[in-house]
């Protein structure tokens, strides 16, 4: 029997509660039983609900900032391409 660390269990609960995936899928992906994941959720949910929202917001914020930067770069490239092709017209 594999002994999982407390950190692993808490991360598994966070994924199960916030990923949007089914618990069956999360359990399968992590290589644990569905009932085991259910027990961990019952055990760690109260502490996870306090810390997770701030951590989730920070991760989402960072993801959106990265996406925004990429979109701005793509927009700038398209602007330059438009100008280039407009100057090539007779």
Protein backbone atom coordinates (compact mmCIF):
# COMPACT_ATOMS: atom_id res chain seq x y z
CA UNK A 1 0.00 0.00 0.00
CA UNK A 2 1.34 3.42 -0.98
CA UNK A 3 1.52 6.05 1.75
CA UNK A 4 0.75 9.48 0.32
CA UNK A 5 2.03 12.68 1.90
CA UNK A 6 -0.34 15.20 3.43
CA UNK A 7 0.66 17.67 0.72
CA UNK A 8 -0.27 15.16 -1.99
CA UNK A 9 -3.65 14.56 -0.36
CA UNK A 10 -4.38 18.28 -0.04
CA UNK A 11 -3.38 18.90 -3.65
CA UNK A 12 -5.59 16.00 -4.77
CA UNK A 13 -8.52 17.57 -2.90
CA UNK A 14 -7.81 20.96 -4.45
CA UNK A 15 -7.79 19.43 -7.92
CA UNK A 16 -10.97 17.47 -7.22
CA UNK A 17 -12.80 20.58 -6.02
CA UNK A 18 -11.55 23.13 -8.53
CA UNK A 19 -10.61 21.39 -11.79
CA UNK A 20 -14.11 20.81 -13.10
CA UNK A 21 -13.24 17.17 -13.73
CA UNK A 22 -15.24 14.35 -12.20
CA UNK A 23 -13.86 12.87 -9.02
CA UNK A 24 -13.65 9.51 -10.77
CA UNK A 25 -11.38 11.09 -13.42
CA UNK A 26 -9.23 12.89 -10.85
CA UNK A 27 -8.85 9.71 -8.80
CA UNK A 28 -7.91 7.73 -11.91
CA UNK A 29 -5.42 10.38 -13.07
CA UNK A 30 -3.76 10.44 -9.65
CA UNK A 31 -3.73 6.67 -9.30
CA UNK A 32 -5.88 6.52 -6.18
CA UNK A 33 -9.23 4.92 -5.51
CA UNK A 34 -12.43 6.91 -5.80
CA UNK A 35 -13.37 6.13 -2.19
CA UNK A 36 -9.91 7.20 -1.04
CA UNK A 37 -10.26 10.53 -2.80
CA UNK A 38 -13.71 10.92 -1.26
CA UNK A 39 -12.27 10.39 2.23
CA UNK A 40 -9.57 12.95 1.56
CA UNK A 41 -12.14 15.47 0.35
CA UNK A 42 -14.15 14.96 3.53
CA UNK A 43 -11.05 15.35 5.67
CA UNK A 44 -9.32 18.28 3.95
CA UNK A 45 -12.21 20.29 2.53
CA UNK A 46 -12.59 22.76 5.46
CA UNK A 47 -8.94 23.87 5.40
CA UNK A 48 -8.90 23.88 1.60
CA UNK A 49 -11.86 26.21 1.36
CA UNK A 50 -10.04 28.86 3.38
CA UNK A 51 -6.76 28.88 1.45
CA UNK A 52 -7.79 27.78 -2.02
CA UNK A 53 -9.85 30.78 -3.17
CA UNK A 54 -6.90 33.17 -2.81
CA UNK A 55 -4.50 30.71 -4.42
CA UNK A 56 -6.95 30.01 -7.23
CA UNK A 57 -7.47 33.72 -7.84
CA UNK A 58 -3.73 34.30 -8.00
CA UNK A 59 -3.25 31.45 -10.49
CA UNK A 60 -6.18 32.63 -12.62
CA UNK A 61 -4.84 36.20 -12.53
CA UNK A 62 -1.42 35.05 -13.72
CA UNK A 63 -2.97 32.94 -16.49
CA UNK A 64 -5.05 35.88 -17.70
CA UNK A 65 -2.05 38.22 -17.64
CA UNK A 66 -0.04 35.78 -19.75
CA UNK A 67 -2.92 35.34 -22.19
CA UNK A 68 -3.35 39.12 -22.41
CA UNK A 69 0.36 39.62 -23.17
CA UNK A 70 0.25 36.99 -25.92
CA UNK A 71 -2.86 38.53 -27.46
CA UNK A 72 -1.26 41.99 -27.48
CA UNK A 73 1.83 40.61 -29.20
CA UNK A 74 -0.30 38.85 -31.81
CA UNK A 75 -2.31 42.04 -32.39
CA UNK A 76 0.88 44.04 -32.91
CA UNK A 77 2.17 41.50 -35.43
CA UNK A 78 -1.12 41.64 -37.34
CA UNK A 79 -1.03 45.45 -37.38
CA UNK A 80 2.47 45.40 -38.86
CA UNK A 81 1.48 42.79 -41.43
CA UNK A 82 -1.55 44.85 -42.44
CA UNK A 83 0.62 47.93 -42.91
CA UNK A 84 3.17 45.97 -44.90
CA UNK A 85 0.63 44.46 -47.28
CA UNK A 86 -1.20 47.78 -47.65
CA UNK A 87 2.06 49.43 -48.77
CA UNK A 88 2.63 46.66 -51.36
CA UNK A 89 -0.57 47.45 -53.27
CA UNK A 90 -0.10 49.36 -56.56
